[in-house]
Amino acid sequence: MIRQGEKLFGEYDWERFDLLVLPPSFPYGGFMDFDLFALLMGKKLTLYVLALPHKLLYLKVHDFVDGKEFFLSCGFTTYAERRIVEVVQGADIATLNMGIGWRGLKDEMERFKDNLECTKLKNNQQGVDPDDVYSQVPYEKGFQFVLRIERQVGRTAFDEFLKKYIATFKFKSIDTDTFLDFLKANIPGIEKEINLELWTEGVGIPEDAYEPVSTIYTKIISLAEEFKQGKMPSEDEVAEWKGQEWELYLENLPKSCEPSQVMALDKRYRLAESKDYEVKVSFLQLAISSNTCVHSSTLLHNLVEPKRSSWRNRCLQKHERLTTP
């Protein structure tokens, strides 16, 4: 995986990369202390091909000046992560990962519909508690911005630009204006093809963002649509599904379903018991929004059990939005 990253983005700058395995009693999965609890609970493949390259790439991409430049790191590392996944696991899996991100980005737009400042890549966080506005926007809208540039100039040309960009600002902190100046200097005329100001300072999702397309992605979205008419996927249809397929399916179900539907889905596929916590949390969010009380004990257990804080927060945010007048 490191070798693939080096082929795409240049040599790793240190002699070694160590992993420190922390016990479950260390519950916070933070910037560099990503969640090995997921590995111990059985989520091996997803952890290694997503979390590890993402954290490795933070060491390649420059740092940002302050919180409002967050996307400069997160957007690029999310893009680079998916490029590595494409090589290691194939284009379909990379598209699934992109599709989960796309669904998450659209959900964040709904979450911040009354606070559109939080939907900007370059935003004003003065006087704001970062925990209150932490979201997928810098990751997924940032990824879409990077992908938009690649789509405009082509992958080969963009790869050359990206290597030069990483080498130029290695071990440095920069801001959005510095990045845009570098972009325009090295890809002349790019500002005429892409509305850079709209992408970095505008609210919402620009119209030229890209919703992923693949056979697997389209099939899962279609099955999610069928659930709205009361049809569950058959065992044959999900036989080859792993965590990402289930996560994409659950994230595209209606935000509120009949409790009986949710209970039937769980009875057949045991999603509340999944060892993949992304799947479990996605299902519990569905259960919360559908007022499926039978899962209350499972939800409580998962709120107090040591694990990555973002999972716990997603359930708490869902509950708060549903119970706040």
C-alpha atoms as a PDB file:
ATOM      1  CA  MET A   1       0.000   0.000   0.000  1.00  0.00           C
ATOM      2  CA  ILE A   2       2.832   2.394   0.816  1.00  0.00           C
ATOM      3  CA  ARG A   3       4.502   1.453  -2.464  1.00  0.00           C
ATOM      4  CA  GLN A   4       1.331   2.234  -4.391  1.00  0.00           C
ATOM      5  CA  GLY A   5       1.100   5.578  -2.622  1.00  0.00           C
ATOM      6  CA  GLU A   6       4.700   6.333  -3.542  1.00  0.00           C
ATOM      7  CA  LYS A   7       4.029   5.573  -7.197  1.00  0.00           C
ATOM      8  CA  LEU A   8       1.157   8.028  -7.199  1.00  0.00           C
ATOM      9  CA  PHE A   9       2.360  10.805  -4.899  1.00  0.00           C
ATOM     10  CA  GLY A  10       6.106  10.496  -4.444  1.00  0.00           C
ATOM     11  CA  GLU A  11       8.414   8.733  -2.015  1.00  0.00           C
ATOM     12  CA  TYR A  12       7.581   8.377   1.667  1.00  0.00           C
ATOM     13  CA  ASP A  13       9.793  10.879   3.465  1.00  0.00           C
ATOM     14  CA  TRP A  14      10.642   8.861   6.591  1.00  0.00           C
ATOM     15  CA  GLU A  15      12.464   5.564   7.050  1.00  0.00           C
ATOM     16  CA  ARG A  16       9.648   3.828   8.913  1.00  0.00           C
ATOM     17  CA  PHE A  17       5.962   4.043   9.771  1.00  0.00           C
ATOM     18  CA  ASP A  18       4.971   2.723  13.195  1.00  0.00           C
ATOM     19  CA  LEU A  19       1.534   1.683  14.396  1.00  0.00           C
ATOM     20  CA  LEU A  20       0.714   1.918  18.080  1.00  0.00           C
ATOM     21  CA  VAL A  21      -2.085  -0.452  19.069  1.00  0.00           C
ATOM     22  CA  LEU A  22      -4.140   1.133  21.840  1.00  0.00           C
ATOM     23  CA  PRO A  23      -6.614  -0.716  24.116  1.00  0.00           C
ATOM     24  CA  PRO A  24     -10.393  -0.269  23.803  1.00  0.00           C
ATOM     25  CA  SER A  25     -10.280   1.913  26.928  1.00  0.00           C
ATOM     26  CA  PHE A  26      -8.726   4.605  24.723  1.00  0.00           C
ATOM     27  CA  PRO A  27     -11.966   5.674  23.014  1.00  0.00           C
ATOM     28  CA  TYR A  28     -11.093   8.702  20.925  1.00  0.00           C
ATOM     29  CA  GLY A  29     -10.075   8.133  17.313  1.00  0.00           C
ATOM     30  CA  GLY A  30      -8.336  11.377  16.520  1.00  0.00           C
ATOM     31  CA  PHE A  31      -6.179  12.985  13.868  1.00  0.00           C
ATOM     32  CA  MET A  32      -3.347  10.474  13.880  1.00  0.00           C
ATOM     33  CA  ASP A  33      -4.615   7.958  16.454  1.00  0.00           C
ATOM     34  CA  PHE A  34      -7.058   6.270  14.080  1.00  0.00           C
ATOM     35  CA  ASP A  35      -9.333   3.600  15.381  1.00  0.00           C
ATOM     36  CA  LEU A  36      -7.653   0.236  15.821  1.00  0.00           C
ATOM     37  CA  PHE A  37     -10.676  -0.762  17.881  1.00  0.00           C
ATOM     38  CA  ALA A  38     -12.397  -1.322  14.545  1.00  0.00           C
ATOM     39  CA  LEU A  39      -9.629  -3.721  13.541  1.00  0.00           C
ATOM     40  CA  LEU A  40      -9.992  -5.701  16.760  1.00  0.00           C
ATOM     41  CA  MET A  41     -13.746  -5.922  16.168  1.00  0.00           C
ATOM     42  CA  GLY A  42     -13.216  -7.496  12.766  1.00  0.00           C
ATOM     43  CA  LYS A  43     -13.169  -4.594  10.318  1.00  0.00           C
ATOM     44  CA  LYS A  44      -9.760  -5.522   8.946  1.00  0.00           C
ATOM     45  CA  LEU A  45      -9.991  -4.872   5.228  1.00  0.00           C
ATOM     46  CA  THR A  46     -11.730  -1.511   5.402  1.00  0.00           C
ATOM     47  CA  LEU A  47      -9.370  -0.249   8.073  1.00  0.00           C
ATOM     48  CA  TYR A  48      -6.225  -1.104   6.167  1.00  0.00           C
ATOM     49  CA  VAL A  49      -7.281   0.172   2.764  1.00  0.00           C
ATOM     50  CA  LEU A  50      -9.045   3.320   3.989  1.00  0.00           C
ATOM     51  CA  ALA A  51      -7.846   4.540   7.384  1.00  0.00           C
ATOM     52  CA  LEU A  52      -4.186   3.634   7.017  1.00  0.00           C
ATOM     53  CA  PRO A  53      -3.551   5.282   3.631  1.00  0.00           C
ATOM     54  CA  HIS A  54      -5.574   8.290   4.751  1.00  0.00           C
ATOM     55  CA  LYS A  55      -3.307   8.783   7.762  1.00  0.00           C
ATOM     56  CA  LEU A  56      -0.177   8.076   5.751  1.00  0.00           C
ATOM     57  CA  LEU A  57      -1.175  10.748   3.272  1.00  0.00           C
ATOM     58  CA  TYR A  58      -1.587  13.346   5.988  1.00  0.00           C
ATOM     59  CA  LEU A  59       2.194  13.061   6.248  1.00  0.00           C
ATOM     60  CA  LYS A  60       2.576  13.874   2.554  1.00  0.00           C
ATOM     61  CA  VAL A  61       0.106  16.720   2.179  1.00  0.00           C
ATOM     62  CA  HIS A  62       0.976  20.081   3.713  1.00  0.00           C
ATOM     63  CA  ASP A  63      -0.760  21.398   6.796  1.00  0.00           C
ATOM     64  CA  PHE A  64      -3.328  24.193   6.769  1.00  0.00           C
ATOM     65  CA  VAL A  65      -2.966  27.571   8.458  1.00  0.00           C
ATOM     66  CA  ASP A  66      -6.101  27.426  10.612  1.00  0.00           C
ATOM     67  CA  GLY A  67      -9.480  25.711  10.932  1.00  0.00           C
ATOM     68  CA  LYS A  68     -11.062  27.529   8.012  1.00  0.00           C
ATOM     69  CA  GLU A  69      -8.484  25.930   5.673  1.00  0.00           C
ATOM     70  CA  PHE A  70      -9.302  22.406   6.878  1.00  0.00           C
ATOM     71  CA  PHE A  71     -10.213  21.161   3.400  1.00  0.00           C
ATOM     72  CA  LEU A  72      -6.658  21.721   2.132  1.00  0.00           C
ATOM     73  CA  SER A  73      -5.545  18.655   4.048  1.00  0.00           C
ATOM     74  CA  CYS A  74      -8.737  16.610   4.243  1.00  0.00           C
ATOM     75  CA  GLY A  75      -9.909  17.060   0.670  1.00  0.00           C
ATOM     76  CA  PHE A  76      -6.557  16.070  -0.796  1.00  0.00           C
ATOM     77  CA  THR A  77      -6.054  13.094   1.508  1.00  0.00           C
ATOM     78  CA  THR A  78      -9.561  11.824   0.756  1.00  0.00           C
ATOM     79  CA  TYR A  79      -8.811  12.104  -2.967  1.00  0.00           C
ATOM     80  CA  ALA A  80      -5.464  10.345  -2.553  1.00  0.00           C
ATOM     81  CA  GLU A  81      -7.008   7.652  -0.363  1.00  0.00           C
ATOM     82  CA  ARG A  82      -9.503   6.780  -3.102  1.00  0.00           C
ATOM     83  CA  ARG A  83      -6.792   6.682  -5.729  1.00  0.00           C
ATOM     84  CA  ILE A  84      -4.943   4.094  -3.647  1.00  0.00           C
ATOM     85  CA  VAL A  85      -8.141   2.115  -3.063  1.00  0.00           C
ATOM     86  CA  GLU A  86      -8.706   2.110  -6.821  1.00  0.00           C
ATOM     87  CA  VAL A  87      -5.307   0.485  -7.351  1.00  0.00           C
ATOM     88  CA  VAL A  88      -5.466  -1.938  -4.429  1.00  0.00           C
ATOM     89  CA  GLN A  89      -9.140  -2.992  -4.556  1.00  0.00           C
ATOM     90  CA  GLY A  90     -10.390  -1.850  -7.941  1.00  0.00           C
ATOM     91  CA  ALA A  91     -12.469   0.944  -9.423  1.00  0.00           C
ATOM     92  CA  ASP A  92     -15.824  -0.446  -8.225  1.00  0.00           C
ATOM     93  CA  ILE A  93     -14.789  -0.359  -4.571  1.00  0.00           C
ATOM     94  CA  ALA A  94     -13.334   3.126  -4.976  1.00  0.00           C
ATOM     95  CA  THR A  95     -16.656   4.218  -6.476  1.00  0.00           C
ATOM     96  CA  LEU A  96     -18.551   2.703  -3.544  1.00  0.00           C
ATOM     97  CA  ASN A  97     -16.342   4.664  -1.182  1.00  0.00           C
ATOM     98  CA  MET A  98     -17.009   7.799  -3.218  1.00  0.00           C
ATOM     99  CA  GLY A  99     -20.735   7.068  -3.167  1.00  0.00           C
ATOM    100  CA  ILE A 100     -20.792   6.804   0.622  1.00  0.00           C
ATOM    101  CA  GLY A 101     -19.011  10.146   0.738  1.00  0.00           C
ATOM    102  CA  TRP A 102     -21.472  11.692  -1.723  1.00  0.00           C
ATOM    103  CA  ARG A 103     -24.431  10.568   0.379  1.00  0.00           C
ATOM    104  CA  GLY A 104     -22.730  11.912   3.494  1.00  0.00           C
ATOM    105  CA  LEU A 105     -22.076  15.265   1.822  1.00  0.00           C
ATOM    106  CA  LYS A 106     -25.727  15.622   0.847  1.00  0.00           C
ATOM    107  CA  ASP A 107     -26.736  14.799   4.416  1.00  0.00           C
ATOM    108  CA  GLU A 108     -24.423  17.528   5.702  1.00  0.00           C
ATOM    109  CA  MET A 109     -26.109  20.030   3.385  1.00  0.00           C
ATOM    110  CA  GLU A 110     -29.408  19.145   5.027  1.00  0.00           C
ATOM    111  CA  ARG A 111     -27.865  19.325   8.484  1.00  0.00           C
ATOM    112  CA  PHE A 112     -26.512  22.840   7.870  1.00  0.00           C
ATOM    113  CA  LYS A 113     -29.418  24.215   5.850  1.00  0.00           C
ATOM    114  CA  ASP A 114     -29.891  26.900   8.521  1.00  0.00           C
ATOM    115  CA  ASN A 115     -26.158  27.559   8.864  1.00  0.00           C
ATOM    116  CA  LEU A 116     -24.856  27.681   5.299  1.00  0.00           C
ATOM    117  CA  GLU A 117     -21.500  29.093   6.395  1.00  0.00           C
ATOM    118  CA  CYS A 118     -20.616  25.553   7.450  1.00  0.00           C
ATOM    119  CA  THR A 119     -21.108  24.297   3.890  1.00  0.00           C
ATOM    120  CA  LYS A 120     -18.252  26.446   2.556  1.00  0.00           C
ATOM    121  CA  LEU A 121     -14.771  25.029   2.091  1.00  0.00           C
ATOM    122  CA  LYS A 122     -13.256  28.268   3.318  1.00  0.00           C
ATOM    123  CA  ASN A 123     -15.475  29.343   6.182  1.00  0.00           C
ATOM    124  CA  ASN A 124     -15.519  31.626   9.194  1.00  0.00           C
ATOM    125  CA  GLN A 125     -15.266  29.671  12.444  1.00  0.00           C
ATOM    126  CA  GLN A 126     -14.572  32.606  14.736  1.00  0.00           C
ATOM    127  CA  GLY A 127     -16.318  32.080  18.064  1.00  0.00           C
ATOM    128  CA  VAL A 128     -17.534  28.608  17.036  1.00  0.00           C
ATOM    129  CA  ASP A 129     -16.822  25.400  18.932  1.00  0.00           C
ATOM    130  CA  PRO A 130     -15.161  23.147  16.311  1.00  0.00           C
ATOM    131  CA  ASP A 131     -16.935  20.099  17.744  1.00  0.00           C
ATOM    132  CA  ASP A 132     -20.302  21.701  16.974  1.00  0.00           C
ATOM    133  CA  VAL A 133     -19.545  22.156  13.277  1.00  0.00           C
ATOM    134  CA  TYR A 134     -17.255  19.212  12.579  1.00  0.00           C
ATOM    135  CA  SER A 135     -18.583  17.482   9.474  1.00  0.00           C
ATOM    136  CA  GLN A 136     -17.767  15.694   6.240  1.00  0.00           C
ATOM    137  CA  VAL A 137     -17.816  18.970   4.294  1.00  0.00           C
ATOM    138  CA  PRO A 138     -14.026  19.582   4.248  1.00  0.00           C
ATOM    139  CA  TYR A 139     -13.454  15.918   3.381  1.00  0.00           C
ATOM    140  CA  GLU A 140     -16.149  15.299   0.793  1.00  0.00           C
ATOM    141  CA  LYS A 141     -16.670  18.746  -0.726  1.00  0.00           C
ATOM    142  CA  GLY A 142     -12.891  19.138  -0.614  1.00  0.00           C
ATOM    143  CA  PHE A 143     -12.570  15.812  -2.438  1.00  0.00           C
ATOM    144  CA  GLN A 144     -15.109  16.945  -5.020  1.00  0.00           C
ATOM    145  CA  PHE A 145     -13.107  20.136  -5.594  1.00  0.00           C
ATOM    146  CA  VAL A 146      -9.888  18.204  -6.158  1.00  0.00           C
ATOM    147  CA  LEU A 147     -11.713  15.736  -8.410  1.00  0.00           C
ATOM    148  CA  ARG A 148     -13.223  18.625 -10.369  1.00  0.00           C
ATOM    149  CA  ILE A 149      -9.734  19.873 -11.204  1.00  0.00           C
ATOM    150  CA  GLU A 150      -8.642  16.365 -12.245  1.00  0.00           C
ATOM    151  CA  ARG A 151     -11.701  15.995 -14.465  1.00  0.00           C
ATOM    152  CA  GLN A 152     -10.929  19.314 -16.136  1.00  0.00           C
ATOM    153  CA  VAL A 153      -7.255  18.720 -16.960  1.00  0.00           C
ATOM    154  CA  GLY A 154      -7.171  14.927 -17.142  1.00  0.00           C
ATOM    155  CA  ARG A 155      -5.604  12.457 -14.740  1.00  0.00           C
ATOM    156  CA  THR A 156      -2.132  12.379 -16.278  1.00  0.00           C
ATOM    157  CA  ALA A 157      -1.717  16.160 -16.189  1.00  0.00           C
ATOM    158  CA  PHE A 158      -3.249  16.367 -12.731  1.00  0.00           C
ATOM    159  CA  ASP A 159      -0.893  13.726 -11.356  1.00  0.00           C
ATOM    160  CA  GLU A 160       2.068  15.794 -12.509  1.00  0.00           C
ATOM    161  CA  PHE A 161       0.554  18.908 -10.935  1.00  0.00           C
ATOM    162  CA  LEU A 162      -0.127  17.065  -7.680  1.00  0.00           C
ATOM    163  CA  LYS A 163       3.441  15.769  -7.356  1.00  0.00           C
ATOM    164  CA  LYS A 164       4.798  19.259  -7.951  1.00  0.00           C
ATOM    165  CA  TYR A 165       2.331  20.723  -5.466  1.00  0.00           C
ATOM    166  CA  ILE A 166       3.278  18.238  -2.747  1.00  0.00           C
ATOM    167  CA  ALA A 167       7.004  18.751  -3.356  1.00  0.00           C
ATOM    168  CA  THR A 168       6.717  22.555  -3.361  1.00  0.00           C
ATOM    169  CA  PHE A 169       4.839  22.845  -0.068  1.00  0.00           C
ATOM    170  CA  LYS A 170       6.279  19.828   1.736  1.00  0.00           C
ATOM    171  CA  PHE A 171       6.615  20.458   5.503  1.00  0.00           C
ATOM    172  CA  LYS A 172       4.898  23.848   5.140  1.00  0.00           C
ATOM    173  CA  SER A 173       1.575  25.375   6.118  1.00  0.00           C
ATOM    174  CA  ILE A 174      -0.370  27.250   3.460  1.00  0.00           C
ATOM    175  CA  ASP A 175      -3.753  28.899   3.033  1.00  0.00           C
ATOM    176  CA  THR A 176      -6.395  28.775   0.309  1.00  0.00           C
ATOM    177  CA  ASP A 177      -5.089  31.840  -1.527  1.00  0.00           C
ATOM    178  CA  THR A 178      -1.600  30.312  -1.751  1.00  0.00           C
ATOM    179  CA  PHE A 179      -3.039  27.107  -3.174  1.00  0.00           C
ATOM    180  CA  LEU A 180      -5.171  28.941  -5.734  1.00  0.00           C
ATOM    181  CA  ASP A 181      -2.223  31.091  -6.845  1.00  0.00           C
ATOM    182  CA  PHE A 182      -0.126  27.941  -7.313  1.00  0.00           C
ATOM    183  CA  LEU A 183      -2.976  26.241  -9.186  1.00  0.00           C
ATOM    184  CA  LYS A 184      -3.445  29.136 -11.606  1.00  0.00           C
ATOM    185  CA  ALA A 185       0.290  29.503 -12.170  1.00  0.00           C
ATOM    186  CA  ASN A 186       0.765  25.822 -13.011  1.00  0.00           C
ATOM    187  CA  ILE A 187      -2.484  25.210 -14.894  1.00  0.00           C
ATOM    188  CA  PRO A 188      -2.921  28.442 -16.872  1.00  0.00           C
ATOM    189  CA  GLY A 189      -6.514  29.348 -17.604  1.00  0.00           C
ATOM    190  CA  ILE A 190      -7.991  26.973 -15.011  1.00  0.00           C
ATOM    191  CA  GLU A 191      -9.935  29.859 -13.452  1.00  0.00           C
ATOM    192  CA  LYS A 192     -11.766  30.286 -16.773  1.00  0.00           C
ATOM    193  CA  GLU A 193     -12.878  26.656 -16.788  1.00  0.00           C
ATOM    194  CA  ILE A 194     -13.736  26.226 -13.094  1.00  0.00           C
ATOM    195  CA  ASN A 195     -15.367  28.793 -10.840  1.00  0.00           C
ATOM    196  CA  LEU A 196     -12.711  28.613  -8.126  1.00  0.00           C
ATOM    197  CA  GLU A 197     -14.340  31.239  -5.943  1.00  0.00           C
ATOM    198  CA  LEU A 198     -17.662  29.394  -6.019  1.00  0.00           C
ATOM    199  CA  TRP A 199     -15.978  26.145  -5.044  1.00  0.00           C
ATOM    200  CA  THR A 200     -13.929  27.551  -2.170  1.00  0.00           C
ATOM    201  CA  GLU A 201     -16.194  30.300  -0.813  1.00  0.00           C
ATOM    202  CA  GLY A 202     -19.652  29.388  -2.068  1.00  0.00           C
ATOM    203  CA  VAL A 203     -22.291  27.535  -0.075  1.00  0.00           C
ATOM    204  CA  GLY A 204     -23.813  24.174  -0.909  1.00  0.00           C
ATOM    205  CA  ILE A 205     -22.695  21.685  -3.565  1.00  0.00           C
ATOM    206  CA  PRO A 206     -21.715  23.269  -6.910  1.00  0.00           C
ATOM    207  CA  GLU A 207     -23.623  22.054  -9.958  1.00  0.00           C
ATOM    208  CA  ASP A 208     -20.455  20.679 -11.552  1.00  0.00           C
ATOM    209  CA  ALA A 209     -19.795  18.288  -8.670  1.00  0.00           C
ATOM    210  CA  TYR A 210     -19.698  14.612  -9.628  1.00  0.00           C
ATOM    211  CA  GLU A 211     -22.062  11.903  -8.416  1.00  0.00           C
ATOM    212  CA  PRO A 212     -20.271   8.566  -8.826  1.00  0.00           C
ATOM    213  CA  VAL A 213     -21.430   6.040 -11.402  1.00  0.00           C
ATOM    214  CA  SER A 214     -20.778   2.303 -11.562  1.00  0.00           C
ATOM    215  CA  THR A 215     -22.781  -0.890 -11.977  1.00  0.00           C
ATOM    216  CA  ILE A 216     -22.515  -1.832  -8.296  1.00  0.00           C
ATOM    217  CA  TYR A 217     -23.284   1.701  -7.108  1.00  0.00           C
ATOM    218  CA  THR A 218     -26.341   1.987  -9.357  1.00  0.00           C
ATOM    219  CA  LYS A 219     -27.633  -1.433  -8.257  1.00  0.00           C
ATOM    220  CA  ILE A 220     -27.366  -0.584  -4.564  1.00  0.00           C
ATOM    221  CA  ILE A 221     -29.102   2.764  -5.043  1.00  0.00           C
ATOM    222  CA  SER A 222     -31.853   0.952  -6.971  1.00  0.00           C
ATOM    223  CA  LEU A 223     -32.321  -1.547  -4.132  1.00  0.00           C
ATOM    224  CA  ALA A 224     -32.515   1.315  -1.649  1.00  0.00           C
ATOM    225  CA  GLU A 225     -35.271   2.868  -3.775  1.00  0.00           C
ATOM    226  CA  GLU A 226     -37.163  -0.441  -3.777  1.00  0.00           C
ATOM    227  CA  PHE A 227     -37.100  -0.476   0.026  1.00  0.00           C
ATOM    228  CA  LYS A 228     -39.296   2.627  -0.077  1.00  0.00           C
ATOM    229  CA  GLN A 229     -41.953   0.445  -1.733  1.00  0.00           C
ATOM    230  CA  GLY A 230     -41.578  -2.158   0.980  1.00  0.00           C
ATOM    231  CA  LYS A 231     -39.211  -4.544  -0.819  1.00  0.00           C
ATOM    232  CA  MET A 232     -36.157  -5.868   0.996  1.00  0.00           C
ATOM    233  CA  PRO A 233     -33.071  -7.059  -0.895  1.00  0.00           C
ATOM    234  CA  SER A 234     -32.938 -10.815  -1.276  1.00  0.00           C
ATOM    235  CA  GLU A 235     -30.187 -12.930   0.214  1.00  0.00           C
ATOM    236  CA  ASP A 236     -28.869 -13.616  -3.297  1.00  0.00           C
ATOM    237  CA  GLU A 237     -28.663  -9.881  -4.025  1.00  0.00           C
ATOM    238  CA  VAL A 238     -26.560  -9.176  -0.936  1.00  0.00           C
ATOM    239  CA  ALA A 239     -24.557 -12.401  -0.897  1.00  0.00           C
ATOM    240  CA  GLU A 240     -21.329 -10.667  -1.947  1.00  0.00           C
ATOM    241  CA  TRP A 241     -21.878  -7.501   0.073  1.00  0.00           C
ATOM    242  CA  LYS A 242     -19.296  -6.381   2.583  1.00  0.00           C
ATOM    243  CA  GLY A 243     -19.305  -3.388   4.881  1.00  0.00           C
ATOM    244  CA  GLN A 244     -19.135  -0.660   2.259  1.00  0.00           C
ATOM    245  CA  GLU A 245     -22.016  -2.063   0.220  1.00  0.00           C
ATOM    246  CA  TRP A 246     -24.214  -2.258   3.321  1.00  0.00           C
ATOM    247  CA  GLU A 247     -23.189   1.207   4.450  1.00  0.00           C
ATOM    248  CA  LEU A 248     -24.060   2.700   1.056  1.00  0.00           C
ATOM    249  CA  TYR A 249     -27.399   0.883   1.053  1.00  0.00           C
ATOM    250  CA  LEU A 250     -28.356   2.013   4.562  1.00  0.00           C
ATOM    251  CA  GLU A 251     -27.261   5.595   3.970  1.00  0.00           C
ATOM    252  CA  ASN A 252     -29.578   5.809   0.955  1.00  0.00           C
ATOM    253  CA  LEU A 253     -32.687   4.480   2.663  1.00  0.00           C
ATOM    254  CA  PRO A 254     -35.430   6.957   3.645  1.00  0.00           C
ATOM    255  CA  LYS A 255     -34.481   8.873   6.767  1.00  0.00           C
ATOM    256  CA  SER A 256     -37.613   7.565   8.462  1.00  0.00           C
ATOM    257  CA  CYS A 257     -39.211   4.199   7.763  1.00  0.00           C
ATOM    258  CA  GLU A 258     -41.988   2.125   9.254  1.00  0.00           C
ATOM    259  CA  PRO A 259     -40.648   0.476  12.433  1.00  0.00           C
ATOM    260  CA  SER A 260     -41.850  -2.879  11.155  1.00  0.00           C
ATOM    261  CA  GLN A 261     -39.697  -2.478   8.022  1.00  0.00           C
ATOM    262  CA  VAL A 262     -36.606  -1.675  10.064  1.00  0.00           C
ATOM    263  CA  MET A 263     -37.217  -4.602  12.410  1.00  0.00           C
ATOM    264  CA  ALA A 264     -37.743  -6.977   9.466  1.00  0.00           C
ATOM    265  CA  LEU A 265     -34.519  -5.811   7.832  1.00  0.00           C
ATOM    266  CA  ASP A 266     -32.594  -6.399  11.036  1.00  0.00           C
ATOM    267  CA  LYS A 267     -34.234  -9.764  11.660  1.00  0.00           C
ATOM    268  CA  ARG A 268     -33.077 -10.991   8.269  1.00  0.00           C
ATOM    269  CA  TYR A 269     -29.567  -9.520   8.213  1.00  0.00           C
ATOM    270  CA  ARG A 270     -28.657  -8.840  11.890  1.00  0.00           C
ATOM    271  CA  LEU A 271     -27.366  -5.333  11.131  1.00  0.00           C
ATOM    272  CA  ALA A 272     -27.599  -4.134  14.735  1.00  0.00           C
ATOM    273  CA  GLU A 273     -25.124  -6.881  15.610  1.00  0.00           C
ATOM    274  CA  SER A 274     -22.679  -6.144  12.788  1.00  0.00           C
ATOM    275  CA  LYS A 275     -19.004  -6.119  13.729  1.00  0.00           C
ATOM    276  CA  ASP A 276     -18.492  -3.408  11.137  1.00  0.00           C
ATOM    277  CA  TYR A 277     -19.240  -0.312  13.165  1.00  0.00           C
ATOM    278  CA  GLU A 278     -19.918   1.880  10.136  1.00  0.00           C
ATOM    279  CA  VAL A 279     -22.709  -0.542   9.212  1.00  0.00           C
ATOM    280  CA  LYS A 280     -23.944  -0.783  12.791  1.00  0.00           C
ATOM    281  CA  VAL A 281     -24.048   2.979  13.279  1.00  0.00           C
ATOM    282  CA  SER A 282     -25.759   3.541   9.919  1.00  0.00           C
ATOM    283  CA  PHE A 283     -28.406   1.029  10.927  1.00  0.00           C
ATOM    284  CA  LEU A 284     -28.850   2.483  14.422  1.00  0.00           C
ATOM    285  CA  GLN A 285     -29.291   5.942  12.902  1.00  0.00           C
ATOM    286  CA  LEU A 286     -32.090   4.498  10.760  1.00  0.00           C
ATOM    287  CA  ALA A 287     -33.591   2.835  13.830  1.00  0.00           C
ATOM    288  CA  ILE A 288     -33.509   6.109  15.797  1.00  0.00           C
ATOM    289  CA  SER A 289     -35.167   8.133  13.049  1.00  0.00           C
ATOM    290  CA  SER A 290     -37.818   5.433  12.621  1.00  0.00           C
ATOM    291  CA  ASN A 291     -38.581   5.252  16.367  1.00  0.00           C
ATOM    292  CA  THR A 292     -37.744   1.566  16.496  1.00  0.00           C
ATOM    293  CA  CYS A 293     -37.731   1.221  20.273  1.00  0.00           C
ATOM    294  CA  VAL A 294     -36.665  -2.429  20.207  1.00  0.00           C
ATOM    295  CA  HIS A 295     -33.120  -1.253  19.461  1.00  0.00           C
ATOM    296  CA  SER A 296     -32.881   1.110  22.435  1.00  0.00           C
ATOM    297  CA  SER A 297     -30.725  -1.274  24.482  1.00  0.00           C
ATOM    298  CA  THR A 298     -28.363  -1.811  21.534  1.00  0.00           C
ATOM    299  CA  LEU A 299     -28.101   1.933  21.050  1.00  0.00           C
ATOM    300  CA  LEU A 300     -27.360   2.557  24.730  1.00  0.00           C
ATOM    301  CA  HIS A 301     -24.706  -0.161  24.733  1.00  0.00           C
ATOM    302  CA  ASN A 302     -23.009   1.383  21.712  1.00  0.00           C
ATOM    303  CA  LEU A 303     -23.066   4.875  23.206  1.00  0.00           C
ATOM    304  CA  VAL A 304     -21.160   3.786  26.308  1.00  0.00           C
ATOM    305  CA  GLU A 305     -18.941   1.084  24.802  1.00  0.00           C
ATOM    306  CA  PRO A 306     -15.417   2.368  23.982  1.00  0.00           C
ATOM    307  CA  LYS A 307     -15.093   3.165  20.306  1.00  0.00           C
ATOM    308  CA  ARG A 308     -14.443   5.988  17.902  1.00  0.00           C
ATOM    309  CA  SER A 309     -16.115   9.163  19.110  1.00  0.00           C
ATOM    310  CA  SER A 310     -17.438  10.068  15.644  1.00  0.00           C
ATOM    311  CA  TRP A 311     -19.677   6.984  15.653  1.00  0.00           C
ATOM    312  CA  ARG A 312     -21.130   7.908  19.028  1.00  0.00           C
ATOM    313  CA  ASN A 313     -21.602  11.523  17.970  1.00  0.00           C
ATOM    314  CA  ARG A 314     -23.476  10.524  14.800  1.00  0.00           C
ATOM    315  CA  CYS A 315     -26.075   8.675  16.873  1.00  0.00           C
ATOM    316  CA  LEU A 316     -26.325  11.493  19.399  1.00  0.00           C
ATOM    317  CA  GLN A 317     -26.735  14.094  16.634  1.00  0.00           C
ATOM    318  CA  LYS A 318     -29.497  12.032  15.031  1.00  0.00           C
ATOM    319  CA  HIS A 319     -31.294  11.703  18.366  1.00  0.00           C
ATOM    320  CA  GLU A 320     -30.874  15.420  19.125  1.00  0.00           C
ATOM    321  CA  ARG A 321     -32.290  16.498  15.744  1.00  0.00           C
ATOM    322  CA  LEU A 322     -35.342  14.264  16.250  1.00  0.00           C
ATOM    323  CA  THR A 323     -36.080  15.360  19.827  1.00  0.00           C
ATOM    324  CA  THR A 324     -35.353  19.089  19.581  1.00  0.00           C
ATOM    325  CA  PRO A 325     -38.608  21.101  19.181  1.00  0.00           C
END
